[in-house]
N, C-alpha and C. Protein backbone atom coordinates (compact mmCIF):
# COMPACT_ATOMS: atom_id res chain seq x y z
N UNK A 1 27.60 10.33 3.73
CA UNK A 1 25.90 9.99 3.30
C UNK A 1 25.10 9.99 4.21
N UNK A 2 23.85 10.79 3.69
CA UNK A 2 22.92 10.72 4.78
C UNK A 2 21.83 9.52 5.04
N UNK A 3 21.27 9.77 5.91
CA UNK A 3 20.46 8.72 6.26
C UNK A 3 18.97 8.83 6.04
N UNK A 4 18.40 7.79 5.17
CA UNK A 4 16.99 8.02 4.76
C UNK A 4 16.15 7.98 5.93
N UNK A 5 15.05 8.78 5.96
CA UNK A 5 14.26 8.75 7.06
C UNK A 5 12.75 8.57 6.31
N UNK A 6 11.84 7.88 7.02
CA UNK A 6 10.58 7.82 6.43
C UNK A 6 9.86 9.10 6.73
N UNK A 7 8.87 9.51 6.27
CA UNK A 7 7.89 10.45 5.97
C UNK A 7 7.53 10.96 7.38
N UNK A 8 7.22 10.30 8.35
CA UNK A 8 7.04 10.67 9.97
C UNK A 8 7.50 9.77 10.97
N UNK A 9 8.73 9.45 10.55
CA UNK A 9 9.61 8.97 11.13
C UNK A 9 9.14 7.61 12.32
N UNK A 10 8.32 6.74 11.98
CA UNK A 10 7.65 5.88 12.59
C UNK A 10 6.45 6.47 13.42
N UNK A 11 5.90 7.34 13.26
CA UNK A 11 4.78 7.83 14.21
C UNK A 11 3.53 6.89 14.20
N UNK A 12 3.25 6.83 15.55
CA UNK A 12 2.29 5.79 16.26
C UNK A 12 0.98 6.69 16.96
N UNK A 13 -0.57 5.80 16.94
CA UNK A 13 -1.41 6.46 17.67
C UNK A 13 -1.84 5.23 17.62
N UNK A 14 -2.06 5.09 19.28
CA UNK A 14 -2.66 3.69 19.96
C UNK A 14 -3.76 4.13 21.07
N UNK A 15 -4.11 5.38 21.17
CA UNK A 15 -5.14 5.76 22.20
C UNK A 15 -6.47 5.69 21.73
N UNK A 16 -6.78 4.96 20.44
CA UNK A 16 -8.18 5.21 20.26
C UNK A 16 -8.36 3.92 20.10
N UNK A 17 -9.80 3.79 19.03
CA UNK A 17 -10.51 2.49 18.57
C UNK A 17 -9.81 1.66 17.79
N UNK A 18 -8.31 2.08 17.05
CA UNK A 18 -7.61 1.32 16.07
C UNK A 18 -6.38 2.12 16.54
N UNK A 19 -5.25 1.02 16.05
CA UNK A 19 -3.97 1.79 16.33
C UNK A 19 -3.57 2.02 14.82
N UNK A 20 -2.98 3.28 14.60
CA UNK A 20 -2.36 3.87 13.59
C UNK A 20 -0.87 3.83 13.49
N UNK A 21 -0.09 3.60 12.62
CA UNK A 21 1.51 3.38 12.69
C UNK A 21 1.78 3.76 11.17
N UNK A 22 2.79 4.55 11.33
CA UNK A 22 3.67 4.75 9.76
C UNK A 22 4.48 3.49 9.93
N UNK A 23 4.54 2.66 8.98
CA UNK A 23 5.52 1.53 9.12
C UNK A 23 6.92 1.64 8.66
N UNK A 24 7.05 3.10 8.33
CA UNK A 24 8.78 3.28 7.98
C UNK A 24 8.95 3.06 6.48
N UNK A 25 10.46 2.93 6.11
CA UNK A 25 10.73 2.81 4.89
C UNK A 25 10.25 1.51 4.23
N UNK A 26 9.77 1.83 3.08
CA UNK A 26 9.15 0.89 2.24
C UNK A 26 9.46 0.85 0.68
N UNK A 27 10.38 -0.21 0.29
CA UNK A 27 10.63 -0.07 -1.00
C UNK A 27 9.45 -0.18 -2.12
N UNK A 28 9.10 0.86 -3.20
CA UNK A 28 8.08 0.47 -4.11
C UNK A 28 8.67 0.70 -5.45
N UNK A 29 8.38 -0.15 -6.50
CA UNK A 29 8.48 0.06 -7.79
C UNK A 29 7.18 0.24 -8.72
N UNK A 30 7.04 1.11 -9.13
CA UNK A 30 5.94 1.14 -10.34
C UNK A 30 6.20 0.65 -11.51
N UNK A 31 5.26 -0.49 -11.89
CA UNK A 31 6.01 -1.37 -13.44
C UNK A 31 4.25 -0.83 -14.18
N UNK A 32 4.76 -0.25 -15.39
CA UNK A 32 3.70 0.22 -15.91
C UNK A 32 4.22 -0.75 -17.53
N UNK A 33 2.82 -1.24 -18.12
CA UNK A 33 2.80 -1.94 -19.36
C UNK A 33 1.88 -3.02 -19.40
N UNK A 34 1.74 -3.95 -20.76
CA UNK A 34 0.80 -4.93 -20.68
C UNK A 34 0.89 -5.92 -19.56
N UNK A 35 0.31 -6.23 -19.02
CA UNK A 35 -0.01 -6.93 -17.63
C UNK A 35 0.02 -8.48 -18.15
N UNK A 36 -0.55 -8.73 -19.50
CA UNK A 36 -0.78 -9.87 -19.82
C UNK A 36 0.59 -10.65 -20.53
N UNK A 37 1.62 -9.65 -20.63
CA UNK A 37 2.64 -10.01 -21.17
C UNK A 37 3.77 -10.64 -20.31
N UNK A 38 4.18 -11.85 -20.62
CA UNK A 38 4.92 -12.78 -19.89
C UNK A 38 6.36 -12.21 -19.28
N UNK A 39 6.91 -10.98 -19.78
CA UNK A 39 8.05 -10.23 -19.47
C UNK A 39 7.66 -9.66 -17.92
N UNK A 40 6.35 -8.85 -18.24
CA UNK A 40 5.85 -8.29 -17.35
C UNK A 40 5.54 -8.87 -15.90
N UNK A 41 4.90 -10.10 -16.25
CA UNK A 41 4.66 -11.17 -14.71
C UNK A 41 5.73 -11.41 -14.46
N UNK A 42 6.84 -11.97 -15.27
CA UNK A 42 8.29 -12.44 -14.54
C UNK A 42 8.82 -11.65 -14.06
N UNK A 43 8.83 -10.23 -14.42
CA UNK A 43 9.81 -9.20 -13.89
C UNK A 43 8.97 -8.90 -12.58
N UNK A 44 7.55 -8.80 -12.47
CA UNK A 44 7.04 -8.60 -11.02
C UNK A 44 7.24 -9.82 -10.40
N UNK A 45 6.71 -10.84 -10.64
CA UNK A 45 6.63 -12.00 -9.55
C UNK A 45 7.86 -12.27 -9.13
N UNK A 46 9.08 -12.36 -9.88
CA UNK A 46 10.40 -12.59 -9.71
C UNK A 46 11.11 -11.65 -8.48
N UNK A 47 10.71 -10.44 -8.92
CA UNK A 47 11.11 -9.26 -7.76
C UNK A 47 10.38 -9.52 -6.36
N UNK A 48 9.23 -9.71 -6.31
CA UNK A 48 8.32 -10.13 -5.15
C UNK A 48 8.50 -11.22 -4.53
N UNK A 49 8.49 -12.12 -5.53
CA UNK A 49 8.49 -13.49 -4.96
C UNK A 49 7.16 -14.17 -4.50
N UNK A 50 6.24 -13.31 -5.20
CA UNK A 50 4.75 -13.43 -4.95
C UNK A 50 3.97 -13.64 -6.49
N UNK A 51 2.71 -14.30 -6.55
CA UNK A 51 1.96 -14.54 -7.56
C UNK A 51 1.59 -13.23 -8.00
N UNK A 52 0.93 -12.93 -9.20
CA UNK A 52 0.18 -12.11 -9.78
C UNK A 52 -0.93 -11.81 -9.00
N UNK A 53 -1.31 -10.60 -8.84
CA UNK A 53 -2.64 -10.40 -8.18
C UNK A 53 -3.65 -10.45 -8.99
N UNK A 54 -5.27 -10.82 -8.99
CA UNK A 54 -6.08 -10.71 -9.85
C UNK A 54 -6.47 -9.03 -9.76
N UNK A 55 -7.24 -8.57 -10.88
CA UNK A 55 -7.54 -7.02 -10.63
C UNK A 55 -8.27 -6.76 -9.52
N UNK A 56 -7.81 -5.53 -8.62
CA UNK A 56 -8.40 -5.04 -7.59
C UNK A 56 -7.93 -5.83 -6.30
N UNK A 57 -6.75 -6.55 -6.33
CA UNK A 57 -6.13 -7.14 -5.50
C UNK A 57 -4.77 -7.01 -5.12
N UNK A 58 -4.49 -7.38 -3.89
CA UNK A 58 -2.84 -7.34 -3.58
C UNK A 58 -2.65 -8.75 -3.11
N UNK A 59 -1.26 -8.91 -3.53
CA UNK A 59 -0.54 -10.40 -3.08
C UNK A 59 0.87 -9.77 -2.37
N UNK A 60 0.67 -9.71 -0.75
CA UNK A 60 1.57 -9.20 -0.25
C UNK A 60 2.09 -9.92 1.34
N UNK A 61 3.41 -10.13 1.51
CA UNK A 61 3.47 -10.82 2.71
C UNK A 61 4.54 -9.88 3.30
N UNK A 62 4.69 -9.59 4.46
CA UNK A 62 5.51 -8.42 4.79
C UNK A 62 5.96 -7.21 4.22
N UNK A 63 7.01 -7.19 3.94
CA UNK A 63 7.51 -6.13 3.12
C UNK A 63 7.67 -6.24 1.23
N UNK A 64 7.20 -7.59 1.20
CA UNK A 64 7.42 -8.02 -0.56
C UNK A 64 5.61 -8.11 -0.84
N UNK A 65 5.68 -7.77 -2.20
CA UNK A 65 4.20 -7.78 -2.64
C UNK A 65 4.10 -7.50 -4.10
N UNK A 66 3.03 -7.34 -4.55
CA UNK A 66 2.45 -6.95 -5.80
C UNK A 66 0.94 -6.50 -5.58
N UNK A 67 0.82 -5.31 -6.14
CA UNK A 67 -0.54 -4.56 -5.91
C UNK A 67 -0.99 -4.29 -7.36
N UNK A 68 -2.19 -4.58 -7.61
CA UNK A 68 -2.59 -4.21 -8.84
C UNK A 68 -3.25 -2.81 -8.80
N UNK A 69 -3.00 -1.72 -9.41
CA UNK A 69 -3.11 -0.40 -9.41
C UNK A 69 -3.97 -0.05 -10.53
N UNK A 70 -4.00 -0.66 -11.79
CA UNK A 70 -4.78 -0.32 -13.11
C UNK A 70 -4.60 -1.30 -13.79
N UNK A 71 -5.20 -1.30 -15.16
CA UNK A 71 -5.27 -2.51 -16.12
C UNK A 71 -3.77 -2.52 -16.41
N UNK A 72 -3.05 -1.21 -16.56
CA UNK A 72 -1.41 -1.57 -16.91
C UNK A 72 -0.48 -0.99 -15.99
N UNK A 73 -0.96 -0.94 -15.01
CA UNK A 73 0.14 -0.76 -13.60
C UNK A 73 -0.11 -1.64 -12.43
N UNK A 74 1.44 -1.84 -12.24
CA UNK A 74 1.39 -2.67 -10.53
C UNK A 74 2.27 -1.92 -10.12
N UNK A 75 2.22 -2.15 -8.84
CA UNK A 75 3.11 -1.58 -7.24
C UNK A 75 3.75 -2.84 -7.04
N UNK A 76 5.31 -2.91 -7.22
CA UNK A 76 5.81 -3.76 -6.55
C UNK A 76 6.51 -3.46 -5.46
N UNK A 77 6.26 -4.16 -4.18
CA UNK A 77 6.85 -3.88 -2.84
C UNK A 77 7.98 -4.85 -2.61
N UNK A 78 9.20 -4.20 -1.96
CA UNK A 78 10.38 -4.87 -1.57
C UNK A 78 10.69 -4.44 -0.57
N UNK A 79 11.85 -4.98 0.27
CA UNK A 79 12.38 -4.08 1.27
C UNK A 79 13.07 -3.01 0.85
N UNK A 80 13.14 -1.85 1.64
CA UNK A 80 13.88 -0.83 1.22
C UNK A 80 14.97 -0.97 1.03
N UNK A 81 16.04 -1.51 1.59
CA UNK A 81 17.40 -1.78 1.12
C UNK A 81 17.44 -2.85 0.09
N UNK A 82 16.81 -2.97 -0.87
CA UNK A 82 17.04 -4.09 -1.86
C UNK A 82 16.54 -3.28 -3.08
N UNK A 83 15.84 -1.99 -3.09
CA UNK A 83 15.14 -1.12 -3.98
C UNK A 83 16.22 -1.51 -5.18
N UNK A 84 17.35 -1.06 -5.05
CA UNK A 84 18.55 -0.85 -6.29
C UNK A 84 18.56 -1.96 -6.92
N UNK A 85 18.98 -3.13 -6.33
CA UNK A 85 19.27 -4.60 -6.83
C UNK A 85 17.86 -5.06 -7.64
N UNK A 86 16.78 -4.81 -7.05
CA UNK A 86 15.34 -5.42 -7.40
C UNK A 86 15.16 -4.71 -8.61
N UNK A 87 15.20 -3.23 -8.82
CA UNK A 87 14.84 -2.56 -10.20
C UNK A 87 15.98 -3.09 -11.13
N UNK A 88 17.05 -3.38 -10.83
CA UNK A 88 18.09 -3.78 -11.83
C UNK A 88 17.42 -5.09 -12.48
N UNK A 89 17.39 -6.00 -11.42
CA UNK A 89 16.52 -7.31 -11.79
C UNK A 89 15.49 -6.95 -12.74
N UNK A 90 14.61 -6.43 -12.36
CA UNK A 90 13.45 -6.19 -13.23
C UNK A 90 13.71 -5.79 -14.58
N UNK A 91 14.74 -4.53 -14.24
CA UNK A 91 14.74 -3.98 -15.62
C UNK A 91 15.50 -5.03 -16.67
N UNK A 92 16.36 -5.97 -16.19
CA UNK A 92 17.00 -7.00 -16.82
C UNK A 92 15.83 -7.69 -17.52
N UNK A 93 14.71 -8.18 -16.80
CA UNK A 93 13.78 -8.89 -17.21
C UNK A 93 12.92 -8.31 -18.22
N UNK A 94 12.88 -7.00 -18.14
CA UNK A 94 12.15 -5.94 -19.25
C UNK A 94 12.65 -5.70 -20.48
N UNK A 95 14.00 -6.03 -20.38
CA UNK A 95 14.80 -5.65 -21.56
C UNK A 95 14.41 -5.45 -23.06
N UNK A 96 13.71 -6.26 -23.20
CA UNK A 96 12.92 -6.44 -24.72
C UNK A 96 11.40 -6.17 -24.53
N UNK A 97 10.67 -5.68 -23.48
CA UNK A 97 9.48 -5.49 -23.38
C UNK A 97 9.32 -4.07 -23.52
N UNK A 98 7.87 -3.75 -23.91
CA UNK A 98 7.33 -2.28 -23.79
C UNK A 98 7.06 -2.04 -22.37
N UNK A 99 8.11 -1.66 -21.71
CA UNK A 99 7.51 -1.42 -20.38
C UNK A 99 8.25 -0.25 -19.41
N UNK A 100 7.85 0.26 -18.08
CA UNK A 100 8.53 1.23 -17.36
C UNK A 100 8.53 0.97 -16.26
N UNK A 101 9.41 0.55 -15.57
CA UNK A 101 9.84 0.67 -14.16
C UNK A 101 10.49 1.58 -13.30
N UNK A 102 9.98 1.91 -12.35
CA UNK A 102 10.46 3.51 -11.95
C UNK A 102 10.37 3.09 -10.18
N UNK A 103 11.16 3.45 -9.43
CA UNK A 103 11.52 3.58 -7.90
C UNK A 103 10.66 4.77 -7.56
N UNK A 104 9.79 4.32 -6.91
CA UNK A 104 8.72 5.72 -6.34
C UNK A 104 8.77 5.63 -4.61
N UNK A 105 9.74 4.74 -4.00
CA UNK A 105 9.79 4.49 -2.62
C UNK A 105 9.99 5.75 -1.82
N UNK A 106 10.56 6.88 -2.49
CA UNK A 106 10.90 7.97 -1.91
C UNK A 106 9.48 9.03 -1.65
N UNK A 107 8.76 8.51 -2.68
CA UNK A 107 7.38 9.67 -2.98
C UNK A 107 6.39 9.18 -2.27
N UNK A 108 6.58 8.24 -1.61
CA UNK A 108 5.06 7.70 -0.94
C UNK A 108 5.68 7.44 0.81
N UNK A 109 4.42 7.41 1.43
CA UNK A 109 4.46 7.12 3.01
C UNK A 109 3.24 5.88 2.85
N UNK A 110 3.56 4.83 4.09
CA UNK A 110 2.40 3.75 4.05
C UNK A 110 2.28 3.65 5.80
N UNK A 111 1.17 3.66 5.77
CA UNK A 111 0.60 3.31 7.25
C UNK A 111 -0.12 2.08 7.41
N UNK A 112 0.00 1.60 8.44
CA UNK A 112 -1.05 0.39 8.90
C UNK A 112 -1.94 0.83 9.95
N UNK A 113 -3.40 0.53 9.57
CA UNK A 113 -4.38 0.81 10.50
C UNK A 113 -5.01 -0.67 11.05
N UNK A 114 -5.07 -0.81 12.20
CA UNK A 114 -5.00 -2.10 12.70
C UNK A 114 -5.88 -1.98 13.92
N UNK A 115 -6.64 -3.43 14.47
CA UNK A 115 -7.56 -3.30 15.53
C UNK A 115 -9.08 -3.96 14.86
N UNK A 116 -9.84 -4.26 15.78
CA UNK A 116 -11.09 -4.82 15.75
C UNK A 116 -12.06 -3.59 15.11
N UNK A 117 -11.62 -2.27 15.18
CA UNK A 117 -12.54 -1.33 14.33
C UNK A 117 -11.81 -0.63 13.60
N UNK A 118 -10.80 -1.09 12.91
CA UNK A 118 -10.00 -0.82 11.57
C UNK A 118 -10.94 -0.42 10.32
N UNK A 119 -11.90 -1.33 10.08
CA UNK A 119 -12.91 -0.93 9.01
C UNK A 119 -13.56 0.14 9.43
N UNK A 120 -14.28 0.40 10.78
CA UNK A 120 -15.07 1.53 11.02
C UNK A 120 -14.08 2.95 10.57
N UNK A 121 -12.83 2.67 11.05
CA UNK A 121 -12.23 4.03 11.23
C UNK A 121 -12.14 4.58 9.56
N UNK A 122 -11.55 3.73 8.63
CA UNK A 122 -11.29 3.86 7.29
C UNK A 122 -12.64 4.02 6.51
N UNK A 123 -13.80 3.75 7.05
CA UNK A 123 -14.86 3.54 6.46
C UNK A 123 -15.48 5.03 6.46
N UNK A 124 -15.31 5.61 7.67
CA UNK A 124 -15.41 7.34 7.70
C UNK A 124 -14.48 8.01 6.87
N UNK A 125 -13.69 7.65 5.98
CA UNK A 125 -12.64 8.35 5.42
C UNK A 125 -12.73 8.16 3.67
N UNK A 126 -13.14 6.78 3.20
CA UNK A 126 -13.19 6.76 2.07
C UNK A 126 -14.66 6.19 1.50
N UNK A 127 -14.90 6.69 0.27
CA UNK A 127 -16.35 6.10 -0.44
C UNK A 127 -16.04 4.40 -0.81
N UNK A 128 -15.90 3.66 0.10
CA UNK A 128 -15.66 2.18 -0.50
C UNK A 128 -16.36 1.27 0.51
N UNK A 129 -17.23 0.26 0.18
CA UNK A 129 -17.72 -0.79 0.91
C UNK A 129 -16.79 -1.50 1.60
N UNK A 130 -16.75 -1.10 3.07
CA UNK A 130 -15.60 -1.78 3.54
C UNK A 130 -16.18 -2.90 4.74
N UNK A 131 -17.57 -3.41 4.34
CA UNK A 131 -17.87 -4.38 5.21
C UNK A 131 -17.35 -5.62 5.09
N UNK A 132 -17.28 -6.91 5.72
CA UNK A 132 -16.76 -7.85 5.97
C UNK A 132 -16.98 -8.55 4.50
N UNK A 133 -18.05 -8.47 4.22
CA UNK A 133 -18.51 -9.36 3.06
C UNK A 133 -18.26 -8.49 1.58
N UNK A 134 -18.01 -7.53 1.86
CA UNK A 134 -17.86 -6.49 0.67
C UNK A 134 -16.07 -6.14 0.50
N UNK A 135 -15.53 -6.00 1.67
CA UNK A 135 -14.14 -6.29 1.18
C UNK A 135 -13.40 -7.20 2.21
N UNK A 136 -12.76 -8.09 1.63
CA UNK A 136 -12.12 -9.09 2.03
C UNK A 136 -10.57 -9.21 2.06
N UNK A 137 -9.75 -9.94 2.53
CA UNK A 137 -8.43 -9.87 2.64
C UNK A 137 -7.77 -10.24 1.35
N UNK A 138 -6.80 -9.24 0.95
CA UNK A 138 -6.17 -9.24 -0.32
C UNK A 138 -6.62 -8.14 -1.30
N UNK A 139 -8.05 -7.84 -1.08
CA UNK A 139 -8.48 -6.96 -1.89
C UNK A 139 -8.11 -5.50 -1.75
N UNK A 140 -7.74 -4.76 -2.96
CA UNK A 140 -6.95 -3.52 -3.22
C UNK A 140 -7.99 -2.38 -3.78
N UNK A 141 -7.70 -1.15 -3.11
CA UNK A 141 -8.61 -0.12 -3.73
C UNK A 141 -7.55 1.38 -4.06
N UNK A 142 -7.71 1.79 -4.81
CA UNK A 142 -7.04 3.53 -5.33
C UNK A 142 -8.54 4.29 -4.96
N UNK A 143 -8.39 5.13 -3.93
CA UNK A 143 -9.70 5.99 -4.14
C UNK A 143 -9.02 7.18 -3.45
N UNK A 144 -9.93 7.99 -2.88
CA UNK A 144 -9.61 9.31 -1.99
C UNK A 144 -9.91 8.85 -0.36
N UNK A 145 -9.12 9.43 0.24
CA UNK A 145 -9.09 9.28 1.92
C UNK A 145 -9.43 10.95 2.25
N UNK A 146 -10.58 11.31 2.28
CA UNK A 146 -10.97 12.74 2.63
C UNK A 146 -10.52 13.44 1.49
N UNK A 147 -9.61 14.22 1.40
CA UNK A 147 -9.30 15.37 0.28
C UNK A 147 -7.63 14.77 -0.62
N UNK A 148 -7.29 13.68 -0.14
CA UNK A 148 -5.98 13.08 -0.85
C UNK A 148 -6.23 11.65 -1.56
N UNK A 149 -5.31 11.28 -2.44
CA UNK A 149 -5.43 10.17 -3.37
C UNK A 149 -4.80 9.27 -2.14
N UNK A 150 -5.18 7.98 -2.17
CA UNK A 150 -4.91 6.92 -1.23
C UNK A 150 -5.08 5.36 -1.88
N UNK A 151 -4.15 4.34 -1.51
CA UNK A 151 -4.57 3.14 -2.01
C UNK A 151 -4.52 2.17 -0.81
N UNK A 152 -5.11 1.23 -0.69
CA UNK A 152 -5.27 0.32 0.41
C UNK A 152 -5.71 -0.87 0.20
N UNK A 153 -5.20 -1.62 1.07
CA UNK A 153 -5.62 -3.19 1.11
C UNK A 153 -5.83 -3.88 2.66
N UNK A 154 -6.56 -4.99 2.50
CA UNK A 154 -6.62 -5.47 3.75
C UNK A 154 -5.32 -6.27 3.53
N UNK A 155 -4.51 -6.06 4.51
CA UNK A 155 -3.55 -6.87 4.78
C UNK A 155 -3.33 -8.03 5.34
N UNK A 156 -4.12 -8.18 6.37
CA UNK A 156 -4.44 -9.12 7.55
C UNK A 156 -5.84 -9.05 8.06
N UNK A 157 -6.29 -9.87 8.84
CA UNK A 157 -7.61 -9.71 9.19
C UNK A 157 -7.37 -8.44 10.36
N UNK A 158 -8.22 -7.56 10.41
CA UNK A 158 -8.22 -6.08 11.10
C UNK A 158 -7.07 -5.33 10.61
N UNK A 159 -6.30 -5.96 9.77
CA UNK A 159 -5.41 -4.52 9.30
C UNK A 159 -5.34 -4.23 8.21
N UNK A 160 -5.44 -3.09 8.06
CA UNK A 160 -5.10 -2.55 6.53
C UNK A 160 -3.67 -1.65 6.06
N UNK A 161 -3.18 -1.85 4.98
CA UNK A 161 -2.11 -0.96 4.74
C UNK A 161 -2.67 0.24 3.91
N UNK A 162 -1.82 1.15 3.86
CA UNK A 162 -2.67 2.32 3.33
C UNK A 162 -1.24 3.26 2.65
N UNK A 163 -1.27 3.46 1.50
CA UNK A 163 -0.18 3.97 0.74
C UNK A 163 -0.70 5.68 0.41
N UNK A 164 -0.01 6.58 0.58
CA UNK A 164 -0.21 7.97 0.35
C UNK A 164 0.74 8.65 -0.30
N UNK A 165 0.97 9.65 -0.64
CA UNK A 165 2.21 10.68 -1.34
C UNK A 165 2.56 10.97 -0.06
N UNK A 166 3.98 10.89 0.01
CA UNK A 166 4.68 11.34 1.01
C UNK A 166 4.36 12.97 1.53
N UNK A 167 4.03 13.62 0.59
CA UNK A 167 3.71 15.28 0.88
C UNK A 167 2.51 15.33 1.81
N UNK A 168 1.70 14.12 1.55
CA UNK A 168 0.34 14.03 2.45
C UNK A 168 0.55 13.34 3.44
N UNK A 169 1.70 12.97 4.26
CA UNK A 169 1.61 11.87 5.19
C UNK A 169 1.57 12.61 6.44
N UNK A 170 1.60 13.70 6.80
CA UNK A 170 1.04 14.21 8.27
C UNK A 170 -0.21 14.20 8.22
N UNK A 171 -0.93 14.85 6.89
CA UNK A 171 -2.41 15.02 6.88
C UNK A 171 -3.11 13.67 7.18
N UNK A 172 -2.68 12.48 6.29
CA UNK A 172 -3.07 11.47 6.39
C UNK A 172 -2.87 10.90 7.72
N UNK A 173 -1.96 10.99 8.24
CA UNK A 173 -1.71 10.38 9.83
C UNK A 173 -3.08 10.96 10.73
N UNK A 174 -2.76 12.67 10.69
CA UNK A 174 -3.97 12.94 11.35
C UNK A 174 -5.45 12.77 10.84
N UNK A 175 -5.77 12.47 9.91
CA UNK A 175 -6.96 11.94 9.35
C UNK A 175 -7.33 10.59 10.25
N UNK A 176 -6.58 9.86 10.09
CA UNK A 176 -6.76 8.07 10.60
C UNK A 176 -6.87 8.62 12.30
N UNK A 177 -6.00 9.26 12.63
CA UNK A 177 -6.08 9.63 14.43
C UNK A 177 -7.34 10.22 14.58
N UNK A 178 -7.86 11.07 13.76
CA UNK A 178 -9.17 11.65 14.26
C UNK A 178 -10.02 10.63 14.05
N UNK A 179 -9.98 9.99 12.88
CA UNK A 179 -11.12 8.75 12.80
C UNK A 179 -11.45 7.95 14.04
N UNK A 180 -9.85 7.55 14.69
CA UNK A 180 -9.82 6.47 15.53
C UNK A 180 -10.06 7.15 16.74
N UNK A 181 -10.49 8.23 17.32
CA UNK A 181 -10.57 8.61 18.41
C UNK A 181 -11.38 7.89 19.45
N UNK A 182 -11.04 7.93 20.36
CA UNK A 182 -11.94 7.24 21.66
C UNK A 182 -13.31 7.36 21.63
N UNK A 183 -14.20 6.70 21.72
CA UNK A 183 -15.70 6.95 21.76
C UNK A 183 -16.24 7.49 20.18
N UNK A 184 -15.23 7.11 19.37
CA UNK A 184 -15.83 7.52 17.91
C UNK A 184 -16.50 6.42 17.47
N UNK A 185 -16.56 5.24 18.18
CA UNK A 185 -17.42 3.88 17.31
C UNK A 185 -18.87 4.64 16.69
N UNK A 186 -18.85 3.92 15.54
CA UNK A 186 -20.34 4.20 15.19
C UNK A 186 -21.08 2.52 15.14
N UNK A 187 -20.30 1.59 15.18
CA UNK A 187 -21.07 0.41 15.25
C UNK A 187 -21.24 -0.13 14.07
N UNK A 188 -21.20 0.19 13.16
CA UNK A 188 -21.80 -0.44 11.69
C UNK A 188 -21.50 -1.65 11.34
N UNK A 189 -20.04 -2.02 11.50
CA UNK A 189 -19.64 -3.46 11.14
C UNK A 189 -19.48 -4.26 12.22
């Protein structure tokens, strides 16, 4: 049996105005369906151990969470080693619902961007108002980060979690690293 590796094997950059870290293996399940459905809510909240997020928000703690992706899509986060069991549990709860639940863990890479200048670094790359008043803890966005699709949320004060496709992982890491270069502060936030 082969060992599962993350996209960049835990790459880090800590020499700039913010720290960039690939967080490693993260379990991720895409859940599509009517988000008002009791079965969908039960499957998501039961798997993550978190309440349903409001639109454009994420409820996450450590490796567990629920991210609102669109009006009919959630991203359920769980520890990587529990994905198969979590998926089976969710599919049991969804047995009579019109829904789709799929493991997308291996198709994604997750980064953490942290430090007092994290907002400034990410603001250089995404067309989103990241001011402290405009983007608060728990808010979630799907957007573009330079030339690639990305989803991100303010996981904790001064800490963003960013999800990209695994095939874009090196490019995403390099983007964040360049945006965090020493002396690149704009001082807007």
